C-alpha cells in the first residue's frame, strides 16, 4: 500500500530532517511553510514592557509519499531527528494514498514513485 506522511515540525528542524531522510534514500518530498499551534496554544512574548500572546507559530509541513516497506523507517527518522523534548516539536499524520500518477511518463502507483526515493528497491525487484 502507498502512504502519505504529513509531518508538522519546527522550522529549525527542517535541514536536519531533510538530510536524515536523504541519508536513508528518501529524495522526494514537499515542504510548506505554515502557521499553527498544538497543545501548547502558542507562546507568550514580552516586548517593551507589554506581554502578548503569539498563538500561530511558524512551522514546517513536510509531505512524503512512500510504500509500506519504508513507512516505519521514515517515521522513526523524522521523530529521532526532529525531537527536542519540548512542547511544539510537532506531530506526524499517516494517510492511505489510493492512486499515484506520474504525469510525464504515465507511470502509476509504485512505478510512479520508483525514482522518488520512497520505494523499497528490493520490493520492486
PDB file of N, CA and C in Angstrom:
ATOM      1  N   UNK A   1       0.837  -1.174   0.000  1.00  0.00           N
ATOM      2  CA  UNK A   1       0.000   0.000   0.000  1.00  0.00           C
ATOM      3  C   UNK A   1       0.886   1.243   0.000  1.00  0.00           C
ATOM      4  N   UNK A   2       0.383   2.289  -0.599  1.00  0.00           N
ATOM      5  CA  UNK A   2       1.097   3.561  -0.657  1.00  0.00           C
ATOM      6  C   UNK A   2       0.547   4.467   0.442  1.00  0.00           C
ATOM      7  N   UNK A   3       1.446   5.193   1.100  1.00  0.00           N
ATOM      8  CA  UNK A   3       1.069   6.063   2.218  1.00  0.00           C
ATOM      9  C   UNK A   3       1.586   7.479   1.992  1.00  0.00           C
ATOM     10  N   UNK A   4       0.924   8.410   2.658  1.00  0.00           N
ATOM     11  CA  UNK A   4       1.396   9.797   2.713  1.00  0.00           C
ATOM     12  C   UNK A   4       1.699  10.121   4.166  1.00  0.00           C
ATOM     13  N   UNK A   5       2.928  10.558   4.414  1.00  0.00           N
ATOM     14  CA  UNK A   5       3.307  11.064   5.726  1.00  0.00           C
ATOM     15  C   UNK A   5       3.225  12.580   5.649  1.00  0.00           C
ATOM     16  N   UNK A   6       2.508  13.155   6.604  1.00  0.00           N
ATOM     17  CA  UNK A   6       2.445  14.600   6.753  1.00  0.00           C
ATOM     18  C   UNK A   6       3.021  14.913   8.128  1.00  0.00           C
ATOM     19  N   UNK A   7       4.198  15.493   8.142  1.00  0.00           N
ATOM     20  CA  UNK A   7       4.880  15.797   9.402  1.00  0.00           C
ATOM     21  C   UNK A   7       4.885  17.305   9.601  1.00  0.00           C
ATOM     22  N   UNK A   8       4.424  17.728  10.769  1.00  0.00           N
ATOM     23  CA  UNK A   8       4.488  19.137  11.153  1.00  0.00           C
ATOM     24  C   UNK A   8       5.636  19.252  12.146  1.00  0.00           C
ATOM     25  N   UNK A   9       6.665  20.016  11.778  1.00  0.00           N
ATOM     26  CA  UNK A   9       7.872  20.105  12.598  1.00  0.00           C
ATOM     27  C   UNK A   9       8.276  21.564  12.799  1.00  0.00           C
ATOM     28  N   UNK A  10       9.212  21.774  13.710  1.00  0.00           N
ATOM     29  CA  UNK A  10       9.763  23.113  13.932  1.00  0.00           C
ATOM     30  C   UNK A  10      10.547  23.549  12.690  1.00  0.00           C
ATOM     31  N   UNK A  11      10.545  24.847  12.444  1.00  0.00           N
ATOM     32  CA  UNK A  11      11.307  25.384  11.309  1.00  0.00           C
ATOM     33  C   UNK A  11      12.786  25.028  11.388  1.00  0.00           C
ATOM     34  N   UNK A  12      13.353  25.116  12.578  1.00  0.00           N
ATOM     35  CA  UNK A  12      14.789  24.886  12.715  1.00  0.00           C
ATOM     36  C   UNK A  12      15.178  23.420  12.594  1.00  0.00           C
ATOM     37  N   UNK A  13      14.196  22.518  12.524  1.00  0.00           N
ATOM     38  CA  UNK A  13      14.482  21.086  12.376  1.00  0.00           C
ATOM     39  C   UNK A  13      14.524  20.650  10.907  1.00  0.00           C
ATOM     40  N   UNK A  14      14.057  21.505  10.008  1.00  0.00           N
ATOM     41  CA  UNK A  14      13.913  21.093   8.610  1.00  0.00           C
ATOM     42  C   UNK A  14      15.210  20.602   7.980  1.00  0.00           C
ATOM     43  N   UNK A  15      16.261  21.335   8.091  1.00  0.00           N
ATOM     44  CA  UNK A  15      17.508  20.962   7.426  1.00  0.00           C
ATOM     45  C   UNK A  15      18.006  19.601   7.899  1.00  0.00           C
ATOM     46  N   UNK A  16      17.985  19.386   9.205  1.00  0.00           N
ATOM     47  CA  UNK A  16      18.463  18.121   9.750  1.00  0.00           C
ATOM     48  C   UNK A  16      17.544  16.960   9.353  1.00  0.00           C
ATOM     49  N   UNK A  17      16.230  17.183   9.379  1.00  0.00           N
ATOM     50  CA  UNK A  17      15.274  16.131   8.980  1.00  0.00           C
ATOM     51  C   UNK A  17      15.465  15.790   7.506  1.00  0.00           C
ATOM     52  N   UNK A  18      15.582  16.806   6.679  1.00  0.00           N
ATOM     53  CA  UNK A  18      15.773  16.588   5.242  1.00  0.00           C
ATOM     54  C   UNK A  18      17.055  15.800   4.975  1.00  0.00           C
ATOM     55  N   UNK A  19      18.145  16.173   5.627  1.00  0.00           N
ATOM     56  CA  UNK A  19      19.418  15.461   5.456  1.00  0.00           C
ATOM     57  C   UNK A  19      19.306  14.010   5.928  1.00  0.00           C
ATOM     58  N   UNK A  20      18.612  13.789   7.048  1.00  0.00           N
ATOM     59  CA  UNK A  20      18.443  12.428   7.573  1.00  0.00           C
ATOM     60  C   UNK A  20      17.597  11.582   6.622  1.00  0.00           C
ATOM     61  N   UNK A  21      16.568  12.173   6.022  1.00  0.00           N
ATOM     62  CA  UNK A  21      15.751  11.436   5.050  1.00  0.00           C
ATOM     63  C   UNK A  21      16.567  11.114   3.798  1.00  0.00           C
ATOM     64  N   UNK A  22      17.361  12.062   3.344  1.00  0.00           N
ATOM     65  CA  UNK A  22      18.238  11.797   2.194  1.00  0.00           C
ATOM     66  C   UNK A  22      19.211  10.666   2.506  1.00  0.00           C
ATOM     67  N   UNK A  23      19.711  10.623   3.736  1.00  0.00           N
ATOM     68  CA  UNK A  23      20.672   9.587   4.133  1.00  0.00           C
ATOM     69  C   UNK A  23      20.063   8.183   4.093  1.00  0.00           C
ATOM     70  N   UNK A  24      18.746   8.066   4.277  1.00  0.00           N
ATOM     71  CA  UNK A  24      18.105   6.743   4.197  1.00  0.00           C
ATOM     72  C   UNK A  24      17.468   6.502   2.829  1.00  0.00           C
ATOM     73  N   UNK A  25      17.764   7.382   1.857  1.00  0.00           N
ATOM     74  CA  UNK A  25      17.318   7.159   0.488  1.00  0.00           C
ATOM     75  C   UNK A  25      16.030   7.834   0.080  1.00  0.00           C
ATOM     76  N   UNK A  26      15.477   8.685   0.916  1.00  0.00           N
ATOM     77  CA  UNK A  26      14.243   9.392   0.572  1.00  0.00           C
ATOM     78  C   UNK A  26      14.619  10.725  -0.053  1.00  0.00           C
ATOM     79  N   UNK A  27      14.292  10.892  -1.313  1.00  0.00           N
ATOM     80  CA  UNK A  27      14.652  12.108  -2.044  1.00  0.00           C
ATOM     81  C   UNK A  27      13.436  12.994  -2.313  1.00  0.00           C
ATOM     82  N   UNK A  28      12.298  12.388  -2.552  1.00  0.00           N
ATOM     83  CA  UNK A  28      11.113  13.156  -2.925  1.00  0.00           C
ATOM     84  C   UNK A  28      10.323  13.594  -1.708  1.00  0.00           C
ATOM     85  N   UNK A  29      10.067  14.884  -1.626  1.00  0.00           N
ATOM     86  CA  UNK A  29       9.271  15.423  -0.531  1.00  0.00           C
ATOM     87  C   UNK A  29       8.770  16.798  -0.932  1.00  0.00           C
ATOM     88  N   UNK A  30       7.723  17.231  -0.288  1.00  0.00           N
ATOM     89  CA  UNK A  30       7.214  18.589  -0.441  1.00  0.00           C
ATOM     90  C   UNK A  30       7.294  19.267   0.910  1.00  0.00           C
ATOM     91  N   UNK A  31       7.671  20.543   0.893  1.00  0.00           N
ATOM     92  CA  UNK A  31       7.834  21.305   2.124  1.00  0.00           C
ATOM     93  C   UNK A  31       7.003  22.582   2.016  1.00  0.00           C
ATOM     94  N   UNK A  32       6.230  22.851   3.072  1.00  0.00           N
ATOM     95  CA  UNK A  32       5.383  24.036   3.115  1.00  0.00           C
ATOM     96  C   UNK A  32       5.676  24.814   4.391  1.00  0.00           C
ATOM     97  N   UNK A  33       5.731  26.138   4.281  1.00  0.00           N
ATOM     98  CA  UNK A  33       5.805  26.991   5.459  1.00  0.00           C
ATOM     99  C   UNK A  33       4.378  27.250   5.906  1.00  0.00           C
ATOM    100  N   UNK A  34       4.080  26.908   7.164  1.00  0.00           N
ATOM    101  CA  UNK A  34       2.721  27.061   7.677  1.00  0.00           C
ATOM    102  C   UNK A  34       2.773  27.758   9.030  1.00  0.00           C
ATOM    103  N   UNK A  35       1.615  28.074   9.565  1.00  0.00           N
ATOM    104  CA  UNK A  35       1.495  28.630  10.910  1.00  0.00           C
ATOM    105  C   UNK A  35       0.423  27.849  11.639  1.00  0.00           C
ATOM    106  N   UNK A  36       0.650  27.608  12.929  1.00  0.00           N
ATOM    107  CA  UNK A  36      -0.344  26.906  13.715  1.00  0.00           C
ATOM    108  C   UNK A  36       0.140  26.692  15.133  1.00  0.00           C
ATOM    109  N   UNK A  37      -0.657  25.953  15.879  1.00  0.00           N
ATOM    110  CA  UNK A  37      -0.256  25.577  17.225  1.00  0.00           C
ATOM    111  C   UNK A  37      -0.964  24.293  17.593  1.00  0.00           C
ATOM    112  N   UNK A  38      -0.393  23.607  18.549  1.00  0.00           N
ATOM    113  CA  UNK A  38      -0.976  22.376  19.064  1.00  0.00           C
ATOM    114  C   UNK A  38      -1.382  22.589  20.503  1.00  0.00           C
ATOM    115  N   UNK A  39      -1.057  21.620  21.319  1.00  0.00           N
ATOM    116  CA  UNK A  39      -1.434  21.671  22.736  1.00  0.00           C
ATOM    117  C   UNK A  39      -0.901  22.893  23.470  1.00  0.00           C
ATOM    118  N   UNK A  40       0.282  23.354  23.060  1.00  0.00           N
ATOM    119  CA  UNK A  40       0.880  24.465  23.788  1.00  0.00           C
ATOM    120  C   UNK A  40       0.095  25.752  23.585  1.00  0.00           C
ATOM    121  N   UNK A  41      -0.729  25.844  22.559  1.00  0.00           N
ATOM    122  CA  UNK A  41      -1.586  27.007  22.353  1.00  0.00           C
ATOM    123  C   UNK A  41      -0.862  28.276  21.979  1.00  0.00           C
ATOM    124  N   UNK A  42       0.403  28.200  21.683  1.00  0.00           N
ATOM    125  CA  UNK A  42       1.182  29.374  21.337  1.00  0.00           C
ATOM    126  C   UNK A  42       2.177  29.709  22.435  1.00  0.00           C
ATOM    127  N   UNK A  43       2.729  30.899  22.381  1.00  0.00           N
ATOM    128  CA  UNK A  43       3.707  31.332  23.375  1.00  0.00           C
ATOM    129  C   UNK A  43       3.402  32.765  23.793  1.00  0.00           C
ATOM    130  N   UNK A  44       3.804  33.107  25.020  1.00  0.00           N
ATOM    131  CA  UNK A  44       3.694  34.481  25.487  1.00  0.00           C
ATOM    132  C   UNK A  44       5.014  35.176  25.234  1.00  0.00           C
ATOM    133  N   UNK A  45       4.922  36.364  24.710  1.00  0.00           N
ATOM    134  CA  UNK A  45       6.103  37.154  24.386  1.00  0.00           C
ATOM    135  C   UNK A  45       6.020  38.476  25.144  1.00  0.00           C
ATOM    136  N   UNK A  46       7.164  39.061  25.433  1.00  0.00           N
ATOM    137  CA  UNK A  46       7.208  40.381  26.056  1.00  0.00           C
ATOM    138  C   UNK A  46       8.026  41.300  25.163  1.00  0.00           C
ATOM    139  N   UNK A  47       7.493  42.501  24.971  1.00  0.00           N
ATOM    140  CA  UNK A  47       8.199  43.483  24.158  1.00  0.00           C
ATOM    141  C   UNK A  47       7.912  44.864  24.716  1.00  0.00           C
ATOM    142  N   UNK A  48       8.945  45.580  25.098  1.00  0.00           N
ATOM    143  CA  UNK A  48       8.837  46.934  25.648  1.00  0.00           C
ATOM    144  C   UNK A  48       7.846  47.009  26.807  1.00  0.00           C
ATOM    145  N   UNK A  49       7.932  46.000  27.673  1.00  0.00           N
ATOM    146  CA  UNK A  49       7.113  46.016  28.878  1.00  0.00           C
ATOM    147  C   UNK A  49       5.689  45.518  28.696  1.00  0.00           C
ATOM    148  N   UNK A  50       5.341  45.138  27.485  1.00  0.00           N
ATOM    149  CA  UNK A  50       3.993  44.638  27.210  1.00  0.00           C
ATOM    150  C   UNK A  50       4.074  43.151  26.894  1.00  0.00           C
ATOM    151  N   UNK A  51       3.165  42.390  27.487  1.00  0.00           N
ATOM    152  CA  UNK A  51       3.099  40.957  27.218  1.00  0.00           C
ATOM    153  C   UNK A  51       1.982  40.692  26.214  1.00  0.00           C
ATOM    154  N   UNK A  52       2.265  39.877  25.247  1.00  0.00           N
ATOM    155  CA  UNK A  52       1.246  39.496  24.270  1.00  0.00           C
ATOM    156  C   UNK A  52       1.398  38.019  23.944  1.00  0.00           C
ATOM    157  N   UNK A  53       0.353  37.437  23.407  1.00  0.00           N
ATOM    158  CA  UNK A  53       0.327  36.012  23.082  1.00  0.00           C
ATOM    159  C   UNK A  53       0.435  35.842  21.570  1.00  0.00           C
ATOM    160  N   UNK A  54       1.397  35.026  21.158  1.00  0.00           N
ATOM    161  CA  UNK A  54       1.562  34.660  19.752  1.00  0.00           C
ATOM    162  C   UNK A  54       1.002  33.251  19.628  1.00  0.00           C
ATOM    163  N   UNK A  55      -0.196  33.125  19.046  1.00  0.00           N
ATOM    164  CA  UNK A  55      -0.846  31.810  19.049  1.00  0.00           C
ATOM    165  C   UNK A  55      -0.715  31.042  17.743  1.00  0.00           C
ATOM    166  N   UNK A  56      -0.250  31.662  16.703  1.00  0.00           N
ATOM    167  CA  UNK A  56       0.019  30.935  15.455  1.00  0.00           C
ATOM    168  C   UNK A  56       1.515  30.990  15.190  1.00  0.00           C
ATOM    169  N   UNK A  57       2.182  29.888  15.511  1.00  0.00           N
ATOM    170  CA  UNK A  57       3.634  29.819  15.420  1.00  0.00           C
ATOM    171  C   UNK A  57       4.069  29.313  14.051  1.00  0.00           C
ATOM    172  N   UNK A  58       5.216  29.784  13.556  1.00  0.00           N
ATOM    173  CA  UNK A  58       5.721  29.267  12.283  1.00  0.00           C
ATOM    174  C   UNK A  58       6.146  27.812  12.430  1.00  0.00           C
ATOM    175  N   UNK A  59       5.724  26.994  11.490  1.00  0.00           N
ATOM    176  CA  UNK A  59       6.037  25.558  11.453  1.00  0.00           C
ATOM    177  C   UNK A  59       6.351  25.169  10.016  1.00  0.00           C
ATOM    178  N   UNK A  60       6.823  23.953   9.853  1.00  0.00           N
ATOM    179  CA  UNK A  60       7.069  23.375   8.531  1.00  0.00           C
ATOM    180  C   UNK A  60       6.192  22.139   8.387  1.00  0.00           C
ATOM    181  N   UNK A  61       5.528  22.028   7.250  1.00  0.00           N
ATOM    182  CA  UNK A  61       4.794  20.798   6.923  1.00  0.00           C
ATOM    183  C   UNK A  61       5.594  20.072   5.844  1.00  0.00           C
ATOM    184  N   UNK A  62       5.978  18.852   6.169  1.00  0.00           N
ATOM    185  CA  UNK A  62       6.785  18.022   5.271  1.00  0.00           C
ATOM    186  C   UNK A  62       5.929  16.844   4.835  1.00  0.00           C
ATOM    187  N   UNK A  63       5.747  16.679   3.528  1.00  0.00           N
ATOM    188  CA  UNK A  63       4.963  15.568   2.989  1.00  0.00           C
ATOM    189  C   UNK A  63       5.870  14.614   2.229  1.00  0.00           C
ATOM    190  N   UNK A  64       5.702  13.319   2.494  1.00  0.00           N
ATOM    191  CA  UNK A  64       6.448  12.271   1.800  1.00  0.00           C
ATOM    192  C   UNK A  64       5.459  11.191   1.405  1.00  0.00           C
ATOM    193  N   UNK A  65       5.525  10.746   0.148  1.00  0.00           N
ATOM    194  CA  UNK A  65       4.707   9.638  -0.334  1.00  0.00           C
ATOM    195  C   UNK A  65       5.619   8.429  -0.471  1.00  0.00           C
ATOM    196  N   UNK A  66       5.215   7.290   0.111  1.00  0.00           N
ATOM    197  CA  UNK A  66       6.083   6.120   0.133  1.00  0.00           C
ATOM    198  C   UNK A  66       5.279   4.839   0.255  1.00  0.00           C
ATOM    199  N   UNK A  67       5.982   3.726   0.126  1.00  0.00           N
ATOM    200  CA  UNK A  67       5.339   2.417   0.281  1.00  0.00           C
ATOM    201  C   UNK A  67       5.400   1.978   1.740  1.00  0.00           C
ATOM    202  N   UNK A  68       4.601   0.972   2.092  1.00  0.00           N
ATOM    203  CA  UNK A  68       4.551   0.465   3.465  1.00  0.00           C
ATOM    204  C   UNK A  68       5.906  -0.026   3.964  1.00  0.00           C
ATOM    205  N   UNK A  69       6.732  -0.551   3.061  1.00  0.00           N
ATOM    206  CA  UNK A  69       8.032  -1.101   3.451  1.00  0.00           C
ATOM    207  C   UNK A  69       8.911  -0.056   4.143  1.00  0.00           C
ATOM    208  N   UNK A  70       8.775   1.204   3.738  1.00  0.00           N
ATOM    209  CA  UNK A  70       9.623   2.272   4.268  1.00  0.00           C
ATOM    210  C   UNK A  70       8.947   3.114   5.340  1.00  0.00           C
ATOM    211  N   UNK A  71       7.684   2.868   5.601  1.00  0.00           N
ATOM    212  CA  UNK A  71       6.893   3.724   6.480  1.00  0.00           C
ATOM    213  C   UNK A  71       7.510   3.892   7.870  1.00  0.00           C
ATOM    214  N   UNK A  72       7.738   2.805   8.576  1.00  0.00           N
ATOM    215  CA  UNK A  72       8.257   2.891   9.940  1.00  0.00           C
ATOM    216  C   UNK A  72       9.649   3.508   9.987  1.00  0.00           C
ATOM    217  N   UNK A  73      10.473   3.191   8.997  1.00  0.00           N
ATOM    218  CA  UNK A  73      11.838   3.732   8.961  1.00  0.00           C
ATOM    219  C   UNK A  73      11.814   5.254   8.786  1.00  0.00           C
ATOM    220  N   UNK A  74      10.924   5.744   7.929  1.00  0.00           N
ATOM    221  CA  UNK A  74      10.827   7.182   7.696  1.00  0.00           C
ATOM    222  C   UNK A  74      10.256   7.883   8.933  1.00  0.00           C
ATOM    223  N   UNK A  75       9.213   7.324   9.527  1.00  0.00           N
ATOM    224  CA  UNK A  75       8.642   7.913  10.741  1.00  0.00           C
ATOM    225  C   UNK A  75       9.690   7.963  11.847  1.00  0.00           C
ATOM    226  N   UNK A  76      10.402   6.864  12.059  1.00  0.00           N
ATOM    227  CA  UNK A  76      11.438   6.823  13.096  1.00  0.00           C
ATOM    228  C   UNK A  76      12.519   7.871  12.844  1.00  0.00           C
ATOM    229  N   UNK A  77      12.887   8.054  11.586  1.00  0.00           N
ATOM    230  CA  UNK A  77      13.915   9.038  11.233  1.00  0.00           C
ATOM    231  C   UNK A  77      13.438  10.452  11.538  1.00  0.00           C
ATOM    232  N   UNK A  78      12.205  10.772  11.176  1.00  0.00           N
ATOM    233  CA  UNK A  78      11.666  12.110  11.444  1.00  0.00           C
ATOM    234  C   UNK A  78      11.588  12.355  12.944  1.00  0.00           C
ATOM    235  N   UNK A  79      11.044  11.393  13.691  1.00  0.00           N
ATOM    236  CA  UNK A  79      10.892  11.555  15.137  1.00  0.00           C
ATOM    237  C   UNK A  79      12.253  11.733  15.804  1.00  0.00           C
ATOM    238  N   UNK A  80      13.198  10.866  15.469  1.00  0.00           N
ATOM    239  CA  UNK A  80      14.533  10.926  16.076  1.00  0.00           C
ATOM    240  C   UNK A  80      15.223  12.257  15.772  1.00  0.00           C
ATOM    241  N   UNK A  81      15.042  12.749  14.562  1.00  0.00           N
ATOM    242  CA  UNK A  81      15.747  13.949  14.130  1.00  0.00           C
ATOM    243  C   UNK A  81      15.077  15.234  14.605  1.00  0.00           C
ATOM    244  N   UNK A  82      13.753  15.258  14.670  1.00  0.00           N
ATOM    245  CA  UNK A  82      13.027  16.495  14.999  1.00  0.00           C
ATOM    246  C   UNK A  82      12.753  16.667  16.483  1.00  0.00           C
ATOM    247  N   UNK A  83      12.948  15.634  17.270  1.00  0.00           N
ATOM    248  CA  UNK A  83      12.595  15.701  18.703  1.00  0.00           C
ATOM    249  C   UNK A  83      13.605  16.511  19.509  1.00  0.00           C
ATOM    250  N   UNK A  84      13.070  17.493  20.248  1.00  0.00           N
ATOM    251  CA  UNK A  84      13.884  18.233  21.223  1.00  0.00           C
ATOM    252  C   UNK A  84      13.445  17.891  22.640  1.00  0.00           C
ATOM    253  N   UNK A  85      12.252  17.315  22.782  1.00  0.00           N
ATOM    254  CA  UNK A  85      11.702  17.017  24.094  1.00  0.00           C
ATOM    255  C   UNK A  85      10.866  18.145  24.664  1.00  0.00           C
ATOM    256  N   UNK A  86      10.739  19.230  23.924  1.00  0.00           N
ATOM    257  CA  UNK A  86       9.955  20.383  24.365  1.00  0.00           C
ATOM    258  C   UNK A  86       8.620  20.429  23.631  1.00  0.00           C
ATOM    259  N   UNK A  87       7.657  21.145  24.230  1.00  0.00           N
ATOM    260  CA  UNK A  87       6.382  21.329  23.547  1.00  0.00           C
ATOM    261  C   UNK A  87       6.624  21.997  22.203  1.00  0.00           C
ATOM    262  N   UNK A  88       5.836  21.608  21.217  1.00  0.00           N
ATOM    263  CA  UNK A  88       5.957  22.215  19.899  1.00  0.00           C
ATOM    264  C   UNK A  88       6.871  21.469  18.946  1.00  0.00           C
ATOM    265  N   UNK A  89       7.370  20.289  19.347  1.00  0.00           N
ATOM    266  CA  UNK A  89       8.226  19.505  18.451  1.00  0.00           C
ATOM    267  C   UNK A  89       7.489  19.094  17.187  1.00  0.00           C
ATOM    268  N   UNK A  90       6.187  18.859  17.289  1.00  0.00           N
ATOM    269  CA  UNK A  90       5.420  18.551  16.098  1.00  0.00           C
ATOM    270  C   UNK A  90       4.587  17.297  16.228  1.00  0.00           C
ATOM    271  N   UNK A  91       4.064  16.872  15.087  1.00  0.00           N
ATOM    272  CA  UNK A  91       3.178  15.710  15.012  1.00  0.00           C
ATOM    273  C   UNK A  91       3.279  15.115  13.615  1.00  0.00           C
ATOM    274  N   UNK A  92       3.005  13.820  13.509  1.00  0.00           N
ATOM    275  CA  UNK A  92       3.036  13.139  12.212  1.00  0.00           C
ATOM    276  C   UNK A  92       1.685  12.482  11.986  1.00  0.00           C
ATOM    277  N   UNK A  93       1.147  12.686  10.790  1.00  0.00           N
ATOM    278  CA  UNK A  93      -0.082  12.025  10.358  1.00  0.00           C
ATOM    279  C   UNK A  93       0.273  11.077   9.223  1.00  0.00           C
ATOM    280  N   UNK A  94      -0.402   9.925   9.143  1.00  0.00           N
ATOM    281  CA  UNK A  94      -0.196   8.974   8.051  1.00  0.00           C
ATOM    282  C   UNK A  94      -1.545   8.722   7.398  1.00  0.00           C
ATOM    283  N   UNK A  95      -1.583   8.869   6.068  1.00  0.00           N
ATOM    284  CA  UNK A  95      -2.809   8.686   5.299  1.00  0.00           C
ATOM    285  C   UNK A  95      -2.598   7.617   4.225  1.00  0.00           C
ATOM    286  N   UNK A  96      -3.644   6.876   3.892  1.00  0.00           N
ATOM    287  CA  UNK A  96      -3.541   5.984   2.738  1.00  0.00           C
ATOM    288  C   UNK A  96      -3.627   6.807   1.444  1.00  0.00           C
ATOM    289  N   UNK A  97      -2.909   6.362   0.426  1.00  0.00           N
ATOM    290  CA  UNK A  97      -2.959   7.004  -0.892  1.00  0.00           C
ATOM    291  C   UNK A  97      -3.556   5.994  -1.857  1.00  0.00           C
ATOM    292  N   UNK A  98      -4.645   6.369  -2.493  1.00  0.00           N
ATOM    293  CA  UNK A  98      -5.330   5.433  -3.375  1.00  0.00           C
ATOM    294  C   UNK A  98      -4.610   5.225  -4.703  1.00  0.00           C
ATOM    295  N   UNK A  99      -4.156   6.292  -5.324  1.00  0.00           N
ATOM    296  CA  UNK A  99      -3.511   6.200  -6.638  1.00  0.00           C
ATOM    297  C   UNK A  99      -2.408   7.242  -6.748  1.00  0.00           C
ATOM    298  N   UNK A 100      -1.394   6.916  -7.541  1.00  0.00           N
ATOM    299  CA  UNK A 100      -0.316   7.846  -7.863  1.00  0.00           C
ATOM    300  C   UNK A 100      -0.119   7.788  -9.366  1.00  0.00           C
ATOM    301  N   UNK A 101       0.002   8.947 -10.002  1.00  0.00           N
ATOM    302  CA  UNK A 101       0.232   9.019 -11.447  1.00  0.00           C
ATOM    303  C   UNK A 101       1.385   9.968 -11.711  1.00  0.00           C
ATOM    304  N   UNK A 102       2.384   9.504 -12.470  1.00  0.00           N
ATOM    305  CA  UNK A 102       3.468  10.391 -12.899  1.00  0.00           C
ATOM    306  C   UNK A 102       3.044  10.967 -14.240  1.00  0.00           C
ATOM    307  N   UNK A 103       2.845  12.256 -14.286  1.00  0.00           N
ATOM    308  CA  UNK A 103       2.305  12.921 -15.467  1.00  0.00           C
ATOM    309  C   UNK A 103       3.211  12.747 -16.672  1.00  0.00           C
ATOM    310  N   UNK A 104       4.511  12.941 -16.501  1.00  0.00           N
ATOM    311  CA  UNK A 104       5.447  12.899 -17.631  1.00  0.00           C
ATOM    312  C   UNK A 104       5.470  11.549 -18.336  1.00  0.00           C
ATOM    313  N   UNK A 105       5.480  10.457 -17.567  1.00  0.00           N
ATOM    314  CA  UNK A 105       5.667   9.134 -18.163  1.00  0.00           C
ATOM    315  C   UNK A 105       4.392   8.294 -18.227  1.00  0.00           C
ATOM    316  N   UNK A 106       3.374   8.689 -17.470  1.00  0.00           N
ATOM    317  CA  UNK A 106       2.158   7.888 -17.406  1.00  0.00           C
ATOM    318  C   UNK A 106       2.256   6.720 -16.435  1.00  0.00           C
ATOM    319  N   UNK A 107       3.388   6.611 -15.715  1.00  0.00           N
ATOM    320  CA  UNK A 107       3.536   5.528 -14.741  1.00  0.00           C
ATOM    321  C   UNK A 107       2.526   5.703 -13.620  1.00  0.00           C
ATOM    322  N   UNK A 108       2.172   4.553 -13.012  1.00  0.00           N
ATOM    323  CA  UNK A 108       1.175   4.570 -11.954  1.00  0.00           C
ATOM    324  C   UNK A 108       1.692   3.899 -10.692  1.00  0.00           C
ATOM    325  N   UNK A 109       1.133   4.312  -9.580  1.00  0.00           N
ATOM    326  CA  UNK A 109       1.341   3.700  -8.278  1.00  0.00           C
ATOM    327  C   UNK A 109       2.832   3.538  -7.942  1.00  0.00           C
ATOM    328  N   UNK A 110       3.283   2.344  -7.552  1.00  0.00           N
ATOM    329  CA  UNK A 110       4.674   2.178  -7.107  1.00  0.00           C
ATOM    330  C   UNK A 110       5.678   2.509  -8.198  1.00  0.00           C
ATOM    331  N   UNK A 111       5.353   2.221  -9.451  1.00  0.00           N
ATOM    332  CA  UNK A 111       6.276   2.558 -10.543  1.00  0.00           C
ATOM    333  C   UNK A 111       6.455   4.068 -10.649  1.00  0.00           C
ATOM    334  N   UNK A 112       5.411   4.820 -10.366  1.00  0.00           N
ATOM    335  CA  UNK A 112       5.490   6.284 -10.423  1.00  0.00           C
ATOM    336  C   UNK A 112       6.387   6.833  -9.325  1.00  0.00           C
ATOM    337  N   UNK A 113       6.557   6.083  -8.244  1.00  0.00           N
ATOM    338  CA  UNK A 113       7.392   6.525  -7.127  1.00  0.00           C
ATOM    339  C   UNK A 113       8.819   6.012  -7.203  1.00  0.00           C
ATOM    340  N   UNK A 114       9.132   5.169  -8.152  1.00  0.00           N
ATOM    341  CA  UNK A 114      10.426   4.484  -8.205  1.00  0.00           C
ATOM    342  C   UNK A 114      11.609   5.444  -8.157  1.00  0.00           C
ATOM    343  N   UNK A 115      11.593   6.520  -8.888  1.00  0.00           N
ATOM    344  CA  UNK A 115      12.708   7.472  -8.889  1.00  0.00           C
ATOM    345  C   UNK A 115      12.551   8.519  -7.800  1.00  0.00           C
ATOM    346  N   UNK A 116      11.503   8.415  -7.045  1.00  0.00           N
ATOM    347  CA  UNK A 116      11.164   9.372  -5.999  1.00  0.00           C
ATOM    348  C   UNK A 116      11.955   9.083  -4.723  1.00  0.00           C
ATOM    349  N   UNK A 117      12.567   7.894  -4.651  1.00  0.00           N
ATOM    350  CA  UNK A 117      13.341   7.524  -3.484  1.00  0.00           C
ATOM    351  C   UNK A 117      12.496   7.026  -2.335  1.00  0.00           C
ATOM    352  N   UNK A 118      11.209   6.793  -2.577  1.00  0.00           N
ATOM    353  CA  UNK A 118      10.314   6.418  -1.489  1.00  0.00           C
ATOM    354  C   UNK A 118       9.828   4.975  -1.608  1.00  0.00           C
ATOM    355  N   UNK A 119      10.418   4.220  -2.519  1.00  0.00           N
ATOM    356  CA  UNK A 119      10.010   2.840  -2.712  1.00  0.00           C
ATOM    357  C   UNK A 119      11.185   1.934  -2.421  1.00  0.00           C
ATOM    358  N   UNK A 120      10.954   0.906  -1.652  1.00  0.00           N
ATOM    359  CA  UNK A 120      11.987  -0.064  -1.327  1.00  0.00           C
ATOM    360  C   UNK A 120      12.435  -0.745  -2.616  1.00  0.00           C
ATOM    361  N   UNK A 121      13.687  -0.557  -2.966  1.00  0.00           N
ATOM    362  CA  UNK A 121      14.197  -1.109  -4.228  1.00  0.00           C
ATOM    363  C   UNK A 121      14.118  -2.627  -4.262  1.00  0.00           C
ATOM    364  N   UNK A 122      14.311  -3.310  -3.117  1.00  0.00           N
ATOM    365  CA  UNK A 122      14.210  -4.772  -3.084  1.00  0.00           C
ATOM    366  C   UNK A 122      12.773  -5.208  -3.357  1.00  0.00           C
ATOM    367  N   UNK A 123      11.810  -4.448  -2.893  1.00  0.00           N
ATOM    368  CA  UNK A 123      10.409  -4.815  -3.098  1.00  0.00           C
ATOM    369  C   UNK A 123      10.029  -4.713  -4.557  1.00  0.00           C
ATOM    370  N   UNK A 124      10.695  -3.820  -5.306  1.00  0.00           N
ATOM    371  CA  UNK A 124      10.380  -3.626  -6.716  1.00  0.00           C
ATOM    372  C   UNK A 124      11.042  -4.691  -7.589  1.00  0.00           C
ATOM    373  N   UNK A 125      12.153  -5.253  -7.138  1.00  0.00           N
ATOM    374  CA  UNK A 125      12.926  -6.184  -7.970  1.00  0.00           C
ATOM    375  C   UNK A 125      12.218  -7.508  -8.178  1.00  0.00           C
TER     376      UNK A 125
END
